[in-house]
Structure formats: structure tokens, C-alpha cells
Amino acid sequence: DVPHFVFYNNLRIKKKQICDLQRLLSELLKQLNEQKRHMQRLLKICLDVFDIFFSNHYRNKKDAKDNFKIFPHCCFYNT
């Protein structure tokens, strides 16, 4: 028969608490992975925007200024 308690560093812990904690940690890990995917997508979008903006900047300053009007939150353009 499995005891309902386990001992860890002289603490008596209910097995149900351990199962609940494992479930919560698993859910947290799932959410963190989902956030990581969102952040990777956002980073890709930002890199694409900078790629468009700066490639035009070096090719043609007028186009870069036009792109800057489309993406005014890119505050690195200061000419």
C-alpha cells in the first residue's frame, strides 16, 4: 500500500500536493513555451521590418524615409 505522505528534508508532504504541484509546473511550462513562440514570431517581424528599412536606407535614402513614415516606432533613424 502506498503511503499518503512522503518525507523530504524532515517535512511531511502529502502526495496529492506533489501531484498538484507537478500539474501546475507542467501547465506553467506549457504557457512559457507558448509565450516563447509568440516572442519568436514578434522578433521575426521586428527583424523583417529592420531588414526592409535598413536595406532601403542604404539603397536609397528617400525610400528609407518613406519606410520610416510607415514604421514611425523605429526611432533609430535620425538623419
PDB file of N, CA and C in Angstrom:
ATOM      1  N   ASP A   1       0.835  -1.190   0.000  1.00  0.00           N
ATOM      2  CA  ASP A   1       0.000   0.000   0.000  1.00  0.00           C
ATOM      3  C   ASP A   1       0.884   1.259   0.000  1.00  0.00           C
ATOM      4  N   VAL A   2       0.544   2.230  -0.874  1.00  0.00           N
ATOM      5  CA  VAL A   2       1.351   3.460  -0.996  1.00  0.00           C
ATOM      6  C   VAL A   2       0.954   4.434   0.102  1.00  0.00           C
ATOM      7  N   PRO A   3       1.932   4.925   0.855  1.00  0.00           N
ATOM      8  CA  PRO A   3       1.590   5.901   1.914  1.00  0.00           C
ATOM      9  C   PRO A   3       1.114   7.225   1.299  1.00  0.00           C
ATOM     10  N   HIS A   4       0.310   7.953   2.046  1.00  0.00           N
ATOM     11  CA  HIS A   4      -0.228   9.230   1.561  1.00  0.00           C
ATOM     12  C   HIS A   4       0.750  10.376   1.748  1.00  0.00           C
ATOM     13  N   PHE A   5       1.815  10.112   2.491  1.00  0.00           N
ATOM     14  CA  PHE A   5       2.789  11.169   2.767  1.00  0.00           C
ATOM     15  C   PHE A   5       4.175  10.728   2.338  1.00  0.00           C
ATOM     16  N   VAL A   6       4.979  11.683   1.965  1.00  0.00           N
ATOM     17  CA  VAL A   6       6.401  11.445   1.741  1.00  0.00           C
ATOM     18  C   VAL A   6       7.169  12.413   2.617  1.00  0.00           C
ATOM     19  N   PHE A   7       8.402  12.066   2.890  1.00  0.00           N
ATOM     20  CA  PHE A   7       9.237  12.926   3.724  1.00  0.00           C
ATOM     21  C   PHE A   7      10.383  13.486   2.901  1.00  0.00           C
ATOM     22  N   TYR A   8      10.544  14.788   3.009  1.00  0.00           N
ATOM     23  CA  TYR A   8      11.621  15.462   2.278  1.00  0.00           C
ATOM     24  C   TYR A   8      12.213  16.499   3.221  1.00  0.00           C
ATOM     25  N   ASN A   9      13.498  16.361   3.534  1.00  0.00           N
ATOM     26  CA  ASN A   9      14.154  17.255   4.499  1.00  0.00           C
ATOM     27  C   ASN A   9      13.331  17.388   5.784  1.00  0.00           C
ATOM     28  N   ASN A  10      12.908  16.258   6.295  1.00  0.00           N
ATOM     29  CA  ASN A  10      12.110  16.190   7.526  1.00  0.00           C
ATOM     30  C   ASN A  10      10.749  16.879   7.428  1.00  0.00           C
ATOM     31  N   LEU A  11      10.296  17.181   6.198  1.00  0.00           N
ATOM     32  CA  LEU A  11       8.969  17.748   6.022  1.00  0.00           C
ATOM     33  C   LEU A  11       8.030  16.639   5.568  1.00  0.00           C
ATOM     34  N   ARG A  12       6.879  16.608   6.165  1.00  0.00           N
ATOM     35  CA  ARG A  12       5.888  15.623   5.748  1.00  0.00           C
ATOM     36  C   ARG A  12       5.006  16.275   4.674  1.00  0.00           C
ATOM     37  N   ILE A  13       5.039  15.734   3.495  1.00  0.00           N
ATOM     38  CA  ILE A  13       4.332  16.322   2.354  1.00  0.00           C
ATOM     39  C   ILE A  13       3.294  15.330   1.847  1.00  0.00           C
ATOM     40  N   LYS A  14       2.101  15.814   1.620  1.00  0.00           N
ATOM     41  CA  LYS A  14       1.054  14.954   1.073  1.00  0.00           C
ATOM     42  C   LYS A  14       1.348  14.656  -0.394  1.00  0.00           C
ATOM     43  N   LYS A  15       1.144  13.401  -0.757  1.00  0.00           N
ATOM     44  CA  LYS A  15       1.382  13.030  -2.162  1.00  0.00           C
ATOM     45  C   LYS A  15       0.468  13.808  -3.101  1.00  0.00           C
ATOM     46  N   LYS A  16      -0.734  14.121  -2.657  1.00  0.00           N
ATOM     47  CA  LYS A  16      -1.643  14.894  -3.501  1.00  0.00           C
ATOM     48  C   LYS A  16      -1.055  16.279  -3.784  1.00  0.00           C
ATOM     49  N   GLN A  17      -0.391  16.863  -2.800  1.00  0.00           N
ATOM     50  CA  GLN A  17       0.233  18.170  -3.011  1.00  0.00           C
ATOM     51  C   GLN A  17       1.324  18.076  -4.079  1.00  0.00           C
ATOM     52  N   ILE A  18       2.069  16.977  -4.047  1.00  0.00           N
ATOM     53  CA  ILE A  18       3.124  16.793  -5.047  1.00  0.00           C
ATOM     54  C   ILE A  18       2.512  16.657  -6.438  1.00  0.00           C
ATOM     55  N   CYS A  19       1.442  15.885  -6.550  1.00  0.00           N
ATOM     56  CA  CYS A  19       0.771  15.727  -7.844  1.00  0.00           C
ATOM     57  C   CYS A  19       0.218  17.062  -8.329  1.00  0.00           C
ATOM     58  N   ASP A  20      -0.372  17.840  -7.406  1.00  0.00           N
ATOM     59  CA  ASP A  20      -0.895  19.160  -7.777  1.00  0.00           C
ATOM     60  C   ASP A  20       0.234  20.070  -8.255  1.00  0.00           C
ATOM     61  N   LEU A  21       1.336  20.025  -7.552  1.00  0.00           N
ATOM     62  CA  LEU A  21       2.484  20.849  -7.925  1.00  0.00           C
ATOM     63  C   LEU A  21       3.033  20.433  -9.291  1.00  0.00           C
ATOM     64  N   GLN A  22       3.129  19.139  -9.527  1.00  0.00           N
ATOM     65  CA  GLN A  22       3.592  18.665 -10.839  1.00  0.00           C
ATOM     66  C   GLN A  22       2.661  19.142 -11.949  1.00  0.00           C
ATOM     67  N   ARG A  23       1.373  19.100 -11.690  1.00  0.00           N
ATOM     68  CA  ARG A  23       0.394  19.541 -12.687  1.00  0.00           C
ATOM     69  C   ARG A  23       0.550  21.041 -12.959  1.00  0.00           C
ATOM     70  N   LEU A  24       0.706  21.822 -11.890  1.00  0.00           N
ATOM     71  CA  LEU A  24       0.881  23.267 -12.048  1.00  0.00           C
ATOM     72  C   LEU A  24       2.172  23.603 -12.802  1.00  0.00           C
ATOM     73  N   LEU A  25       3.238  22.906 -12.466  1.00  0.00           N
ATOM     74  CA  LEU A  25       4.510  23.150 -13.150  1.00  0.00           C
ATOM     75  C   LEU A  25       4.428  22.771 -14.620  1.00  0.00           C
ATOM     76  N   SER A  26       3.737  21.696 -14.910  1.00  0.00           N
ATOM     77  CA  SER A  26       3.548  21.280 -16.297  1.00  0.00           C
ATOM     78  C   SER A  26       2.758  22.340 -17.071  1.00  0.00           C
ATOM     79  N   GLU A  27       1.718  22.869 -16.456  1.00  0.00           N
ATOM     80  CA  GLU A  27       0.908  23.914 -17.090  1.00  0.00           C
ATOM     81  C   GLU A  27       1.742  25.189 -17.294  1.00  0.00           C
ATOM     82  N   LEU A  28       2.539  25.531 -16.306  1.00  0.00           N
ATOM     83  CA  LEU A  28       3.400  26.708 -16.412  1.00  0.00           C
ATOM     84  C   LEU A  28       4.401  26.548 -17.554  1.00  0.00           C
ATOM     85  N   LEU A  29       4.986  25.378 -17.657  1.00  0.00           N
ATOM     86  CA  LEU A  29       5.944  25.112 -18.732  1.00  0.00           C
ATOM     87  C   LEU A  29       5.273  25.246 -20.100  1.00  0.00           C
ATOM     88  N   LYS A  30       4.048  24.741 -20.204  1.00  0.00           N
ATOM     89  CA  LYS A  30       3.297  24.847 -21.459  1.00  0.00           C
ATOM     90  C   LYS A  30       3.067  26.319 -21.816  1.00  0.00           C
ATOM     91  N   GLN A  31       2.677  27.121 -20.825  1.00  0.00           N
ATOM     92  CA  GLN A  31       2.433  28.546 -21.065  1.00  0.00           C
ATOM     93  C   GLN A  31       3.714  29.281 -21.441  1.00  0.00           C
ATOM     94  N   LEU A  32       4.817  28.932 -20.780  1.00  0.00           N
ATOM     95  CA  LEU A  32       6.099  29.575 -21.109  1.00  0.00           C
ATOM     96  C   LEU A  32       6.528  29.238 -22.537  1.00  0.00           C
ATOM     97  N   ASN A  33       6.305  28.000 -22.952  1.00  0.00           N
ATOM     98  CA  ASN A  33       6.645  27.621 -24.321  1.00  0.00           C
ATOM     99  C   ASN A  33       5.791  28.377 -25.330  1.00  0.00           C
ATOM    100  N   GLU A  34       4.534  28.562 -24.985  1.00  0.00           N
ATOM    101  CA  GLU A  34       3.630  29.328 -25.865  1.00  0.00           C
ATOM    102  C   GLU A  34       4.093  30.786 -25.958  1.00  0.00           C
ATOM    103  N   GLN A  35       4.470  31.375 -24.824  1.00  0.00           N
ATOM    104  CA  GLN A  35       4.978  32.752 -24.835  1.00  0.00           C
ATOM    105  C   GLN A  35       6.269  32.846 -25.631  1.00  0.00           C
ATOM    106  N   LYS A  36       7.103  31.832 -25.508  1.00  0.00           N
ATOM    107  CA  LYS A  36       8.359  31.815 -26.263  1.00  0.00           C
ATOM    108  C   LYS A  36       8.069  31.828 -27.763  1.00  0.00           C
ATOM    109  N   ARG A  37       7.083  31.035 -28.194  1.00  0.00           N
ATOM    110  CA  ARG A  37       6.719  31.021 -29.620  1.00  0.00           C
ATOM    111  C   ARG A  37       6.214  32.389 -30.065  1.00  0.00           C
ATOM    112  N   HIS A  38       5.395  33.036 -29.227  1.00  0.00           N
ATOM    113  CA  HIS A  38       4.902  34.375 -29.565  1.00  0.00           C
ATOM    114  C   HIS A  38       6.059  35.367 -29.677  1.00  0.00           C
ATOM    115  N   MET A  39       6.981  35.297 -28.741  1.00  0.00           N
ATOM    116  CA  MET A  39       8.127  36.214 -28.759  1.00  0.00           C
ATOM    117  C   MET A  39       8.999  35.973 -29.992  1.00  0.00           C
ATOM    118  N   GLN A  40       9.167  34.710 -30.379  1.00  0.00           N
ATOM    119  CA  GLN A  40       9.966  34.415 -31.572  1.00  0.00           C
ATOM    120  C   GLN A  40       9.299  34.993 -32.821  1.00  0.00           C
ATOM    121  N   ARG A  41       7.949  34.882 -32.889  1.00  0.00           N
ATOM    122  CA  ARG A  41       7.229  35.464 -34.026  1.00  0.00           C
ATOM    123  C   ARG A  41       7.390  36.978 -34.045  1.00  0.00           C
ATOM    124  N   LEU A  42       7.247  37.604 -32.879  1.00  0.00           N
ATOM    125  CA  LEU A  42       7.389  39.055 -32.784  1.00  0.00           C
ATOM    126  C   LEU A  42       8.797  39.489 -33.176  1.00  0.00           C
ATOM    127  N   LEU A  43       9.800  38.760 -32.717  1.00  0.00           N
ATOM    128  CA  LEU A  43      11.181  39.075 -33.072  1.00  0.00           C
ATOM    129  C   LEU A  43      11.394  38.958 -34.582  1.00  0.00           C
ATOM    130  N   LYS A  44      10.831  37.923 -35.190  1.00  0.00           N
ATOM    131  CA  LYS A  44      10.955  37.758 -36.651  1.00  0.00           C
ATOM    132  C   LYS A  44      10.331  38.947 -37.380  1.00  0.00           C
ATOM    133  N   ILE A  45       9.161  39.394 -36.929  1.00  0.00           N
ATOM    134  CA  ILE A  45       8.513  40.555 -37.541  1.00  0.00           C
ATOM    135  C   ILE A  45       9.414  41.785 -37.408  1.00  0.00           C
ATOM    136  N   CYS A  46       9.957  41.997 -36.206  1.00  0.00           N
ATOM    137  CA  CYS A  46      10.849  43.154 -35.986  1.00  0.00           C
ATOM    138  C   CYS A  46      12.070  43.080 -36.892  1.00  0.00           C
ATOM    139  N   LEU A  47      12.664  41.902 -37.000  1.00  0.00           N
ATOM    140  CA  LEU A  47      13.839  41.760 -37.851  1.00  0.00           C
ATOM    141  C   LEU A  47      13.486  42.012 -39.310  1.00  0.00           C
ATOM    142  N   ASP A  48      12.317  41.548 -39.743  1.00  0.00           N
ATOM    143  CA  ASP A  48      11.883  41.810 -41.123  1.00  0.00           C
ATOM    144  C   ASP A  48      11.709  43.308 -41.357  1.00  0.00           C
ATOM    145  N   VAL A  49      11.104  43.997 -40.390  1.00  0.00           N
ATOM    146  CA  VAL A  49      10.905  45.441 -40.516  1.00  0.00           C
ATOM    147  C   VAL A  49      12.255  46.147 -40.614  1.00  0.00           C
ATOM    148  N   PHE A  50      13.187  45.802 -39.732  1.00  0.00           N
ATOM    149  CA  PHE A  50      14.506  46.444 -39.785  1.00  0.00           C
ATOM    150  C   PHE A  50      15.227  46.111 -41.080  1.00  0.00           C
ATOM    151  N   ASP A  51      15.059  44.882 -41.558  1.00  0.00           N
ATOM    152  CA  ASP A  51      15.699  44.480 -42.808  1.00  0.00           C
ATOM    153  C   ASP A  51      15.189  45.333 -43.969  1.00  0.00           C
ATOM    154  N   ILE A  52      13.871  45.481 -44.049  1.00  0.00           N
ATOM    155  CA  ILE A  52      13.275  46.314 -45.106  1.00  0.00           C
ATOM    156  C   ILE A  52      13.757  47.752 -44.979  1.00  0.00           C
ATOM    157  N   PHE A  53      13.676  48.258 -43.758  1.00  0.00           N
ATOM    158  CA  PHE A  53      14.002  49.661 -43.513  1.00  0.00           C
ATOM    159  C   PHE A  53      15.467  49.967 -43.833  1.00  0.00           C
ATOM    160  N   PHE A  54      16.379  49.155 -43.289  1.00  0.00           N
ATOM    161  CA  PHE A  54      17.799  49.473 -43.453  1.00  0.00           C
ATOM    162  C   PHE A  54      18.323  49.112 -44.834  1.00  0.00           C
ATOM    163  N   SER A  55      17.764  48.075 -45.465  1.00  0.00           N
ATOM    164  CA  SER A  55      18.216  47.778 -46.826  1.00  0.00           C
ATOM    165  C   SER A  55      17.825  48.928 -47.754  1.00  0.00           C
ATOM    166  N   ASN A  56      16.630  49.473 -47.561  1.00  0.00           N
ATOM    167  CA  ASN A  56      16.231  50.641 -48.355  1.00  0.00           C
ATOM    168  C   ASN A  56      17.068  51.855 -47.997  1.00  0.00           C
ATOM    169  N   HIS A  57      17.419  51.988 -46.731  1.00  0.00           N
ATOM    170  CA  HIS A  57      18.224  53.135 -46.295  1.00  0.00           C
ATOM    171  C   HIS A  57      19.544  53.183 -47.045  1.00  0.00           C
ATOM    172  N   TYR A  58      20.181  52.025 -47.176  1.00  0.00           N
ATOM    173  CA  TYR A  58      21.479  52.028 -47.846  1.00  0.00           C
ATOM    174  C   TYR A  58      21.343  52.090 -49.361  1.00  0.00           C
ATOM    175  N   ARG A  59      20.211  51.616 -49.875  1.00  0.00           N
ATOM    176  CA  ARG A  59      19.995  51.661 -51.318  1.00  0.00           C
ATOM    177  C   ARG A  59      19.540  53.043 -51.766  1.00  0.00           C
ATOM    178  N   ASN A  60      18.629  53.612 -50.991  1.00  0.00           N
ATOM    179  CA  ASN A  60      18.020  54.876 -51.424  1.00  0.00           C
ATOM    180  C   ASN A  60      17.470  55.583 -50.185  1.00  0.00           C
ATOM    181  N   LYS A  61      18.076  56.702 -49.827  1.00  0.00           N
ATOM    182  CA  LYS A  61      17.661  57.394 -48.597  1.00  0.00           C
ATOM    183  C   LYS A  61      16.212  57.867 -48.656  1.00  0.00           C
ATOM    184  N   LYS A  62      15.728  58.250 -49.832  1.00  0.00           N
ATOM    185  CA  LYS A  62      14.337  58.710 -49.941  1.00  0.00           C
ATOM    186  C   LYS A  62      13.371  57.575 -49.606  1.00  0.00           C
ATOM    187  N   ASP A  63      13.634  56.368 -50.136  1.00  0.00           N
ATOM    188  CA  ASP A  63      12.779  55.214 -49.822  1.00  0.00           C
ATOM    189  C   ASP A  63      12.806  54.914 -48.340  1.00  0.00           C
ATOM    190  N   ALA A  64      13.987  55.049 -47.740  1.00  0.00           N
ATOM    191  CA  ALA A  64      14.097  54.772 -46.306  1.00  0.00           C
ATOM    192  C   ALA A  64      13.233  55.742 -45.512  1.00  0.00           C
ATOM    193  N   LYS A  65      13.244  57.014 -45.928  1.00  0.00           N
ATOM    194  CA  LYS A  65      12.404  57.993 -45.230  1.00  0.00           C
ATOM    195  C   LYS A  65      10.931  57.660 -45.413  1.00  0.00           C
ATOM    196  N   ASP A  66      10.559  57.190 -46.598  1.00  0.00           N
ATOM    197  CA  ASP A  66       9.172  56.769 -46.827  1.00  0.00           C
ATOM    198  C   ASP A  66       8.815  55.591 -45.930  1.00  0.00           C
ATOM    199  N   ASN A  67       9.735  54.632 -45.821  1.00  0.00           N
ATOM    200  CA  ASN A  67       9.501  53.487 -44.942  1.00  0.00           C
ATOM    201  C   ASN A  67       9.393  53.921 -43.487  1.00  0.00           C
ATOM    202  N   PHE A  68      10.184  54.948 -43.142  1.00  0.00           N
ATOM    203  CA  PHE A  68      10.132  55.412 -41.760  1.00  0.00           C
ATOM    204  C   PHE A  68       8.761  55.988 -41.427  1.00  0.00           C
ATOM    205  N   LYS A  69       8.114  56.611 -42.416  1.00  0.00           N
ATOM    206  CA  LYS A  69       6.763  57.126 -42.177  1.00  0.00           C
ATOM    207  C   LYS A  69       5.784  55.972 -41.926  1.00  0.00           C
ATOM    208  N   ILE A  70       6.039  54.831 -42.570  1.00  0.00           N
ATOM    209  CA  ILE A  70       5.186  53.660 -42.370  1.00  0.00           C
ATOM    210  C   ILE A  70       5.451  53.047 -40.985  1.00  0.00           C
ATOM    211  N   PHE A  71       6.721  53.051 -40.563  1.00  0.00           N
ATOM    212  CA  PHE A  71       7.099  52.473 -39.270  1.00  0.00           C
ATOM    213  C   PHE A  71       7.680  53.547 -38.354  1.00  0.00           C
ATOM    214  N   PRO A  72       6.872  54.495 -37.877  1.00  0.00           N
ATOM    215  CA  PRO A  72       7.423  55.609 -37.090  1.00  0.00           C
ATOM    216  C   PRO A  72       7.961  55.167 -35.729  1.00  0.00           C
ATOM    217  N   HIS A  73       7.587  53.952 -35.272  1.00  0.00           N
ATOM    218  CA  HIS A  73       8.079  53.498 -33.968  1.00  0.00           C
ATOM    219  C   HIS A  73       9.545  53.084 -34.033  1.00  0.00           C
ATOM    220  N   CYS A  74      10.112  52.997 -35.226  1.00  0.00           N
ATOM    221  CA  CYS A  74      11.536  52.679 -35.353  1.00  0.00           C
ATOM    222  C   CYS A  74      12.317  53.975 -35.140  1.00  0.00           C
ATOM    223  N   CYS A  75      12.791  54.201 -33.943  1.00  0.00           N
ATOM    224  CA  CYS A  75      13.353  55.508 -33.597  1.00  0.00           C
ATOM    225  C   CYS A  75      14.843  55.586 -33.889  1.00  0.00           C
ATOM    226  N   PHE A  76      15.406  54.610 -34.623  1.00  0.00           N
ATOM    227  CA  PHE A  76      16.846  54.610 -34.848  1.00  0.00           C
ATOM    228  C   PHE A  76      17.248  55.459 -36.039  1.00  0.00           C
ATOM    229  N   TYR A  77      16.259  55.896 -36.809  1.00  0.00           N
ATOM    230  CA  TYR A  77      16.558  56.689 -37.996  1.00  0.00           C
ATOM    231  C   TYR A  77      16.632  58.148 -37.580  1.00  0.00           C
ATOM    232  N   ASN A  78      17.812  58.747 -37.646  1.00  0.00           N
ATOM    233  CA  ASN A  78      17.930  60.107 -37.120  1.00  0.00           C
ATOM    234  C   ASN A  78      18.637  61.054 -38.082  1.00  0.00           C
ATOM    235  N   THR A  79      18.478  60.855 -39.398  1.00  0.00           N
ATOM    236  CA  THR A  79      19.111  61.795 -40.341  1.00  0.00           C
ATOM    237  C   THR A  79      18.061  62.733 -40.893  1.00  0.00           C
TER     238      THR A  79
END
